[in-house]
Amino acid sequence: MKKKLFPKIIYYLFTFSLGLLMAFTLPYILILYCAPIDIEAYLNQGAYDKAIELSSGYFNRQPIYVQTFDEGGGVVLFEAAPLVDESQKKMHKSYTGFLFGVGKTYNVTREEGNQTKLIVTDGNGKNCDVTLLDYTVDKETGDKKFAGYITTHESNGFIYLDLDQDSLGSLSKLTFIDRDGKVFKEFNLPSVLDYSQQFFADVNAFVEEYNRDYKSENLNALHEEFIAKSDNYAMSSYGETRKHADTKATIWILVYFVFIYIVGDFLVGRHYIFRFFRWLYYKTPLGKSKAEKRKTENKESFGHDYYCQVTVSLDLTELPDFNESVQVRYTNNDGDVTFTLLKQNGYTVTERVRAGKCVNAWIDLNRDYAPVDMPENLIVEGYRMDVKIKIIKRKEESV
């Protein structure tokens, strides 16, 4: 009995622990997966403010510059104050946005000698290179190592732009260079963008306080003060994307738990699913017909001249510490039929018995115990047969 219980405990403990881990982590993983997909969809729909909402920090919902291409795609910029890096401990004033819809036309992928970049020309005609390629940072030295690709460009056809005031000062022209050093697109802005718009003045107090202490107690009040200044001022949010991710995560987790139950039922369970469908099948006209036909064929073809697998087991629910050997014996035309039940075989044993009537029930059992419902005679029929005998402790006789 313990041998059968142990695999169940291990299986369900492991699978349910994994399921709980999925329930806590999968929504966040799917947010990271869904966000680029949603950004791509919003950009293609022209819902640029919803796309920039999935970046970071604060922004003005009204784009400051939009340029679309005849062949599809375009570039869009917003006034913004995004977080500087993944540490989220610093912010800066920036024009942020996207070059989008260029996954098939802007060639930027190459491992060696990749010249992909953005050249920003400021109001004085000075050029500054802005790296577009993905990179990793060495934790020990802080050095950047650039890859030969841009992940969002390869998978979603857009490139995120973060053109900050500290690095550039102003913008008058944008020139996108491909992997071969050739000009892909070039834009002369209608006017010089020098970070002098009202948005940057309004967000300044929050940015300065955040950079002084990103855990400051004054940030909540400064946030409310800033948001109240314009209906177009907003903070980044994963609201819609979180809904999409939560829905997908719920479906996946439900499917997972149904799957582990089905697998567990077949591997370590009692095959309830198989039994249910078998029971359902034999309730149909076809199943009933086959069952009747099988009974008729068995009776006509074999009579009692066939063997049955008879399984005898002990019901020890009232004796959890039972540790005795038990022998059950019957007699039929072939002689004695003996079932030896031991703890090591889980007090369950199967013997091959000729169909027919078995008589002379006998049990070899410690006198402190007694069988409750042991059949006097066994009518052996069919190909499988189960017999369960309950064992109880004898009551002590009063003196």
Protein backbone atom coordinates (compact mmCIF):
# COMPACT_ATOMS: atom_id res chain seq x y z
CA MET A 1 0.00 0.00 0.00
CA LYS A 2 2.84 2.39 0.91
CA LYS A 3 4.68 1.47 -2.27
CA LYS A 4 1.69 2.61 -4.31
CA LEU A 5 1.18 5.79 -2.27
CA PHE A 6 4.75 7.10 -2.45
CA PRO A 7 4.85 7.66 -6.25
CA LYS A 8 1.53 9.55 -6.02
CA ILE A 9 2.92 11.86 -3.33
CA ILE A 10 6.08 12.57 -5.34
CA TYR A 11 4.18 13.12 -8.59
CA TYR A 12 1.53 15.47 -7.23
CA LEU A 13 3.94 17.33 -4.93
CA PHE A 14 6.28 18.04 -7.85
CA THR A 15 3.59 18.91 -10.43
CA PHE A 16 1.54 21.10 -8.07
CA SER A 17 4.67 22.95 -6.92
CA LEU A 18 5.57 23.59 -10.55
CA GLY A 19 2.00 24.75 -11.19
CA LEU A 20 2.11 27.23 -8.32
CA LEU A 21 5.45 28.56 -9.57
CA MET A 22 3.89 29.05 -13.01
CA ALA A 23 0.91 30.86 -11.48
CA PHE A 24 3.23 33.41 -9.83
CA THR A 25 5.75 33.92 -12.65
CA LEU A 26 3.96 33.25 -15.95
CA PRO A 27 1.90 36.51 -16.02
CA TYR A 28 5.09 38.59 -15.72
CA ILE A 29 6.90 36.52 -18.34
CA LEU A 30 3.97 36.92 -20.73
CA ILE A 31 3.91 40.69 -20.16
CA LEU A 32 7.47 40.86 -21.47
CA TYR A 33 6.44 38.64 -24.38
CA CYS A 34 3.19 40.49 -25.17
CA ALA A 35 4.47 44.07 -24.82
CA PRO A 36 6.49 44.12 -28.10
CA ILE A 37 3.57 42.47 -29.92
CA ASP A 38 1.16 45.11 -28.62
CA ILE A 39 3.57 47.94 -29.47
CA GLU A 40 3.82 46.67 -33.05
CA ALA A 41 0.02 46.42 -33.32
CA TYR A 42 -0.54 49.93 -31.90
CA LEU A 43 2.05 51.47 -34.24
CA ASN A 44 0.51 49.79 -37.28
CA GLN A 45 -2.93 51.09 -36.18
CA GLY A 46 -1.62 54.63 -35.70
CA ALA A 47 -2.31 54.48 -31.95
CA TYR A 48 1.14 55.91 -31.20
CA ASP A 49 0.33 57.09 -27.66
CA LYS A 50 -0.67 53.53 -26.65
CA ALA A 51 2.63 52.26 -28.04
CA ILE A 52 4.77 54.76 -26.10
CA GLU A 53 2.72 53.99 -22.95
CA LEU A 54 4.44 50.59 -22.90
CA SER A 55 7.90 52.14 -22.53
CA SER A 56 8.82 53.77 -19.16
CA GLY A 57 8.53 56.99 -17.19
CA TYR A 58 6.34 59.98 -18.18
CA PHE A 59 5.31 61.25 -21.61
CA ASN A 60 3.08 63.69 -23.49
CA ARG A 61 0.40 61.78 -25.41
CA GLN A 62 0.62 64.25 -28.32
CA PRO A 63 3.56 63.27 -30.60
CA ILE A 64 5.95 66.10 -31.30
CA TYR A 65 7.00 64.59 -34.64
CA VAL A 66 5.43 62.00 -36.96
CA GLN A 67 6.64 60.99 -40.42
CA THR A 68 5.20 58.05 -42.36
CA PHE A 69 6.70 56.34 -45.41
CA ASP A 70 4.97 55.65 -48.73
CA GLU A 71 6.01 51.99 -48.51
CA GLY A 72 4.62 51.67 -44.97
CA GLY A 73 5.96 52.35 -41.52
CA GLY A 74 7.40 55.61 -40.24
CA VAL A 75 8.99 57.41 -37.31
CA VAL A 76 7.27 59.01 -34.30
CA LEU A 77 8.72 61.02 -31.38
CA PHE A 78 7.23 62.13 -28.05
CA GLU A 79 8.30 64.48 -25.29
CA ALA A 80 9.18 62.14 -22.44
CA ALA A 81 11.07 61.51 -19.22
CA PRO A 82 11.95 57.79 -19.31
CA LEU A 83 14.04 55.73 -16.93
CA VAL A 84 17.69 55.68 -17.90
CA ASP A 85 18.45 51.97 -17.55
CA GLU A 86 17.23 48.67 -16.13
CA SER A 87 18.20 49.72 -12.61
CA GLN A 88 15.33 52.26 -12.74
CA LYS A 89 17.16 54.58 -10.34
CA LYS A 90 17.60 57.52 -12.75
CA MET A 91 15.46 59.46 -15.25
CA HIS A 92 16.31 61.91 -18.00
CA LYS A 93 14.53 64.30 -20.36
CA SER A 94 14.28 62.85 -23.81
CA TYR A 95 12.50 62.62 -27.13
CA THR A 96 11.46 59.00 -27.25
CA GLY A 97 9.57 57.05 -29.88
CA PHE A 98 9.89 54.44 -32.59
CA LEU A 99 11.12 53.77 -36.07
CA PHE A 100 8.46 51.25 -37.08
CA GLY A 101 7.19 49.06 -39.90
CA VAL A 102 10.69 48.61 -41.34
CA GLY A 103 11.42 44.98 -40.44
CA LYS A 104 11.72 43.95 -44.10
CA THR A 105 13.33 47.09 -45.51
CA TYR A 106 15.90 48.30 -42.95
CA ASN A 107 18.88 45.90 -43.06
CA VAL A 108 20.52 46.01 -39.64
CA THR A 109 21.58 42.44 -38.84
CA ARG A 110 25.21 41.36 -39.19
CA GLU A 111 27.54 39.83 -36.61
CA GLU A 112 30.80 41.35 -37.89
CA GLY A 113 31.40 44.88 -39.15
CA ASN A 114 27.83 46.05 -38.48
CA GLN A 115 27.62 49.84 -39.08
CA THR A 116 23.98 50.28 -38.07
CA LYS A 117 23.38 53.54 -36.18
CA LEU A 118 21.38 56.77 -35.99
CA ILE A 119 23.14 60.07 -36.71
CA VAL A 120 21.53 63.02 -34.93
CA THR A 121 22.39 66.48 -36.21
CA ASP A 122 21.88 69.21 -33.61
CA GLY A 123 20.82 72.83 -34.08
CA ASN A 124 24.42 73.89 -34.70
CA GLY A 125 25.00 71.30 -37.45
CA LYS A 126 27.06 68.99 -35.24
CA ASN A 127 26.58 65.23 -35.72
CA CYS A 128 26.29 62.73 -32.87
CA ASP A 129 26.11 58.95 -33.30
CA VAL A 130 23.38 57.06 -31.42
CA THR A 131 23.80 53.30 -31.13
CA LEU A 132 20.75 51.24 -32.12
CA LEU A 133 22.16 47.71 -31.80
CA ASP A 134 21.42 45.60 -28.73
CA TYR A 135 24.19 45.34 -26.17
CA THR A 136 25.16 43.66 -22.92
CA VAL A 137 27.08 45.26 -20.04
CA ASP A 138 30.00 43.54 -18.32
CA LYS A 139 29.14 43.52 -14.59
CA GLU A 140 32.78 43.86 -13.52
CA THR A 141 34.06 46.52 -15.94
CA GLY A 142 30.79 48.19 -17.02
CA ASP A 143 31.90 47.94 -20.66
CA LYS A 144 29.23 47.56 -23.34
CA LYS A 145 29.44 44.70 -25.82
CA PHE A 146 27.31 45.29 -28.90
CA ALA A 147 25.46 42.51 -30.69
CA GLY A 148 24.92 42.30 -34.44
CA TYR A 149 21.14 42.66 -34.26
CA ILE A 150 18.19 44.54 -32.77
CA THR A 151 15.75 42.12 -31.12
CA THR A 152 12.56 44.15 -31.55
CA HIS A 153 13.44 44.91 -35.16
CA GLU A 154 13.88 41.22 -36.01
CA SER A 155 10.76 40.01 -34.22
CA ASN A 156 8.39 43.01 -34.41
CA GLY A 157 9.72 45.39 -37.05
CA PHE A 158 10.31 48.44 -34.82
CA ILE A 159 13.25 50.15 -33.08
CA TYR A 160 12.85 52.08 -29.82
CA LEU A 161 14.44 55.55 -29.82
CA ASP A 162 15.63 57.41 -26.70
CA LEU A 163 17.22 60.74 -27.66
CA ASP A 164 18.11 62.40 -24.37
CA GLN A 165 19.02 66.00 -23.62
CA ASP A 166 22.28 65.26 -21.82
CA SER A 167 23.77 63.42 -24.81
CA LEU A 168 22.41 65.52 -27.69
CA GLY A 169 21.39 69.02 -26.57
CA SER A 170 19.10 69.50 -29.57
CA LEU A 171 17.86 67.79 -32.76
CA SER A 172 17.46 69.16 -36.28
CA LYS A 173 17.98 66.08 -38.50
CA LEU A 174 17.79 62.29 -38.11
CA THR A 175 19.76 59.97 -40.39
CA PHE A 176 19.35 56.19 -40.11
CA ILE A 177 22.37 54.18 -41.33
CA ASP A 178 22.15 50.47 -42.24
CA ARG A 179 24.63 47.65 -41.61
CA ASP A 180 26.66 48.57 -44.72
CA GLY A 181 27.02 52.22 -43.74
CA LYS A 182 24.43 53.39 -46.27
CA VAL A 183 21.67 55.91 -45.54
CA PHE A 184 18.31 54.20 -45.05
CA LYS A 185 16.16 57.21 -44.13
CA GLU A 186 16.91 60.88 -43.52
CA PHE A 187 14.58 63.42 -41.89
CA ASN A 188 14.96 67.16 -41.61
CA LEU A 189 12.80 68.16 -38.65
CA PRO A 190 10.38 71.08 -39.22
CA SER A 191 12.05 72.96 -36.38
CA VAL A 192 14.91 72.38 -33.99
CA LEU A 193 13.88 70.28 -30.99
CA ASP A 194 15.82 71.66 -28.03
CA TYR A 195 13.89 70.28 -25.02
CA SER A 196 12.27 73.67 -24.39
CA GLN A 197 8.63 72.50 -24.61
CA GLN A 198 6.35 73.05 -21.61
CA PHE A 199 6.32 69.33 -20.84
CA PHE A 200 9.99 69.36 -19.88
CA ALA A 201 9.50 72.36 -17.57
CA ASP A 202 6.49 70.70 -15.93
CA VAL A 203 8.23 67.34 -15.35
CA ASN A 204 11.48 68.90 -14.14
CA ALA A 205 10.63 68.89 -10.42
CA PHE A 206 9.76 65.19 -10.46
CA VAL A 207 12.88 64.23 -12.46
CA GLU A 208 15.21 66.16 -10.13
CA GLU A 209 13.67 64.64 -6.99
CA TYR A 210 13.70 61.13 -8.49
CA ASN A 211 17.38 61.42 -9.44
CA ARG A 212 18.18 62.74 -5.96
CA ASP A 213 16.38 59.83 -4.24
CA TYR A 214 14.27 57.41 -6.26
CA LYS A 215 12.59 56.28 -3.00
CA SER A 216 11.73 59.79 -1.85
CA GLU A 217 8.44 60.31 0.00
CA ASN A 218 7.88 63.51 -2.02
CA LEU A 219 7.47 61.66 -5.32
CA ASN A 220 3.76 60.85 -4.86
CA ALA A 221 2.85 64.51 -4.40
CA LEU A 222 5.07 65.56 -7.31
CA HIS A 223 3.47 62.89 -9.49
CA GLU A 224 -0.05 64.16 -8.73
CA GLU A 225 1.06 67.75 -9.31
CA PHE A 226 2.59 66.89 -12.68
CA ILE A 227 -0.30 64.75 -13.99
CA ALA A 228 -2.80 67.50 -13.06
CA LYS A 229 -1.09 70.04 -15.33
CA SER A 230 -2.38 68.52 -18.59
CA ASP A 231 -4.80 65.86 -19.76
CA ASN A 232 -2.11 64.74 -22.20
CA TYR A 233 0.47 64.02 -19.50
CA ALA A 234 0.65 60.34 -18.59
CA MET A 235 2.80 57.71 -16.95
CA SER A 236 3.75 54.46 -18.63
CA SER A 237 1.48 51.53 -17.87
CA TYR A 238 1.04 47.87 -18.84
CA GLY A 239 -2.73 47.96 -18.19
CA GLU A 240 -4.06 46.48 -21.45
CA THR A 241 -1.02 44.29 -21.97
CA ARG A 242 -1.34 42.96 -18.42
CA LYS A 243 -4.95 41.96 -19.18
CA HIS A 244 -3.81 40.09 -22.30
CA ALA A 245 -0.99 38.42 -20.35
CA ASP A 246 -3.24 37.47 -17.41
CA THR A 247 -5.81 35.93 -19.76
CA LYS A 248 -3.17 33.87 -21.55
CA ALA A 249 -1.54 32.86 -18.27
CA THR A 250 -4.89 31.72 -16.82
CA ILE A 251 -5.60 29.58 -19.87
CA TRP A 252 -2.13 28.02 -19.81
CA ILE A 253 -2.27 27.28 -16.07
CA LEU A 254 -5.74 25.69 -16.34
CA VAL A 255 -4.55 23.56 -19.26
CA TYR A 256 -1.47 22.56 -17.23
CA PHE A 257 -3.46 21.41 -14.19
CA VAL A 258 -5.94 19.48 -16.35
CA PHE A 259 -3.01 17.86 -18.15
CA ILE A 260 -1.19 16.78 -14.98
CA TYR A 261 -4.43 15.34 -13.59
CA ILE A 262 -5.02 13.30 -16.76
CA VAL A 263 -1.41 12.07 -16.83
CA GLY A 264 -1.47 11.38 -13.09
CA ASP A 265 -4.70 9.41 -13.38
CA PHE A 266 -3.15 7.13 -15.98
CA LEU A 267 0.32 6.86 -14.39
CA VAL A 268 -0.27 6.73 -10.63
CA GLY A 269 -4.04 7.12 -10.23
CA ARG A 270 -6.96 4.74 -10.37
CA HIS A 271 -7.79 5.34 -14.06
CA TYR A 272 -11.04 7.17 -13.34
CA ILE A 273 -10.97 8.83 -16.78
CA PHE A 274 -10.63 5.50 -18.59
CA ARG A 275 -13.32 3.98 -16.37
CA PHE A 276 -15.67 6.90 -17.06
CA PHE A 277 -15.33 6.65 -20.84
CA ARG A 278 -15.66 2.87 -20.68
CA TRP A 279 -18.79 3.23 -18.57
CA LEU A 280 -20.11 5.86 -20.98
CA TYR A 281 -19.37 3.61 -23.95
CA TYR A 282 -21.26 0.67 -22.46
CA LYS A 283 -24.27 2.95 -21.96
CA THR A 284 -24.52 3.46 -25.72
CA PRO A 285 -26.51 1.00 -27.90
CA LEU A 286 -23.27 -0.17 -29.58
CA GLY A 287 -21.57 -0.79 -26.23
CA LYS A 288 -24.57 -2.66 -24.81
CA SER A 289 -24.71 -4.82 -27.92
CA LYS A 290 -21.03 -5.72 -27.71
CA ALA A 291 -21.28 -6.49 -23.98
CA GLU A 292 -24.20 -8.87 -24.56
CA LYS A 293 -22.42 -10.48 -27.49
CA ARG A 294 -19.28 -11.00 -25.40
CA LYS A 295 -21.26 -12.65 -22.58
CA THR A 296 -22.97 -14.98 -25.05
CA GLU A 297 -19.67 -15.90 -26.74
CA ASN A 298 -18.03 -16.61 -23.38
CA LYS A 299 -20.85 -18.88 -22.29
CA GLU A 300 -21.12 -20.69 -25.61
CA SER A 301 -17.41 -21.07 -26.29
CA PHE A 302 -15.94 -21.68 -22.89
CA GLY A 303 -18.58 -22.61 -20.31
CA HIS A 304 -16.42 -23.27 -17.24
CA ASP A 305 -13.48 -24.53 -19.23
CA TYR A 306 -11.39 -21.36 -18.94
CA TYR A 307 -9.30 -19.59 -16.34
CA CYS A 308 -9.92 -16.36 -14.47
CA GLN A 309 -7.42 -13.98 -12.86
CA VAL A 310 -8.68 -13.85 -9.26
CA THR A 311 -7.21 -11.04 -7.12
CA VAL A 312 -7.57 -11.33 -3.34
CA SER A 313 -6.69 -8.31 -1.18
CA LEU A 314 -7.11 -7.32 2.46
CA ASP A 315 -9.01 -4.28 3.73
CA LEU A 316 -6.87 -3.05 6.63
CA THR A 317 -8.42 0.38 7.14
CA GLU A 318 -8.98 -0.36 10.84
CA LEU A 319 -5.51 -1.86 11.30
CA PRO A 320 -2.92 0.63 10.02
CA ASP A 321 -0.11 -1.17 11.92
CA PHE A 322 -1.02 -4.68 10.76
CA ASN A 323 2.14 -6.66 10.02
CA GLU A 324 1.07 -10.32 9.85
CA SER A 325 1.16 -12.86 7.03
CA VAL A 326 -2.22 -14.23 5.90
CA GLN A 327 -3.09 -17.30 3.83
CA VAL A 328 -6.50 -17.79 2.20
CA ARG A 329 -7.47 -21.13 0.67
CA TYR A 330 -10.38 -22.55 -1.32
CA THR A 331 -10.98 -25.90 -3.01
CA ASN A 332 -12.26 -26.56 -6.53
CA ASN A 333 -12.13 -29.46 -9.03
CA ASP A 334 -8.41 -28.83 -9.61
CA GLY A 335 -7.55 -29.04 -5.91
CA ASP A 336 -6.58 -26.32 -3.47
CA VAL A 337 -6.38 -22.67 -4.55
CA THR A 338 -4.09 -20.76 -2.16
CA PHE A 339 -3.56 -17.01 -1.82
CA THR A 340 -0.59 -15.96 0.30
CA LEU A 341 -0.86 -12.31 1.35
CA LEU A 342 2.22 -10.57 2.72
CA LYS A 343 3.09 -7.02 3.65
CA GLN A 344 5.73 -6.87 0.94
CA ASN A 345 3.14 -7.55 -1.77
CA GLY A 346 0.76 -4.98 -0.28
CA TYR A 347 -1.54 -7.75 0.98
CA THR A 348 -2.72 -8.25 -2.59
CA VAL A 349 -2.12 -11.34 -4.71
CA THR A 350 -3.51 -12.65 -8.00
CA GLU A 351 -3.85 -16.33 -8.92
CA ARG A 352 -5.04 -18.09 -12.06
CA VAL A 353 -8.16 -20.09 -11.14
CA ARG A 354 -10.38 -22.30 -13.28
CA ALA A 355 -13.89 -20.87 -13.64
CA GLY A 356 -16.53 -22.49 -11.51
CA LYS A 357 -17.36 -22.86 -7.83
CA CYS A 358 -14.68 -22.78 -5.12
CA VAL A 359 -15.69 -24.10 -1.68
CA ASN A 360 -14.26 -24.87 1.78
CA ALA A 361 -13.13 -21.37 2.64
CA TRP A 362 -10.19 -21.39 5.05
CA ILE A 363 -7.91 -18.64 6.41
CA ASP A 364 -4.62 -18.92 8.29
CA LEU A 365 -4.48 -15.81 10.47
CA ASN A 366 -3.13 -14.72 13.87
CA ARG A 367 -5.84 -15.52 16.43
CA ASP A 368 -5.85 -11.89 17.59
CA TYR A 369 -7.51 -10.98 14.31
CA ALA A 370 -10.56 -12.16 12.37
CA PRO A 371 -12.00 -11.80 8.85
CA VAL A 372 -15.35 -10.02 8.60
CA ASP A 373 -16.70 -10.69 5.15
CA MET A 374 -14.74 -13.60 3.72
CA PRO A 375 -17.01 -15.48 1.24
CA GLU A 376 -17.78 -19.11 2.13
CA ASN A 377 -17.84 -19.97 -1.56
CA LEU A 378 -16.38 -18.25 -4.61
CA ILE A 379 -18.25 -18.25 -7.91
CA VAL A 380 -15.34 -17.74 -10.29
CA GLU A 381 -16.43 -16.30 -13.65
CA GLY A 382 -15.24 -13.80 -16.23
CA TYR A 383 -11.61 -13.10 -16.96
CA ARG A 384 -10.89 -10.92 -13.95
CA MET A 385 -12.35 -11.07 -10.48
CA ASP A 386 -11.59 -9.10 -7.29
CA VAL A 387 -12.19 -10.34 -3.75
CA LYS A 388 -11.58 -8.03 -0.78
CA ILE A 389 -11.55 -9.40 2.77
CA LYS A 390 -11.78 -7.03 5.72
CA ILE A 391 -9.63 -7.86 8.76
CA ILE A 392 -10.46 -6.60 12.26
CA LYS A 393 -8.97 -7.12 15.69
CA ARG A 394 -10.90 -9.51 17.94
CA LYS A 395 -12.44 -7.98 21.03
CA GLU A 396 -10.73 -8.98 24.26
CA GLU A 397 -12.90 -11.31 26.35
CA SER A 398 -13.81 -9.96 29.75
CA VAL A 399 -12.66 -12.00 32.74
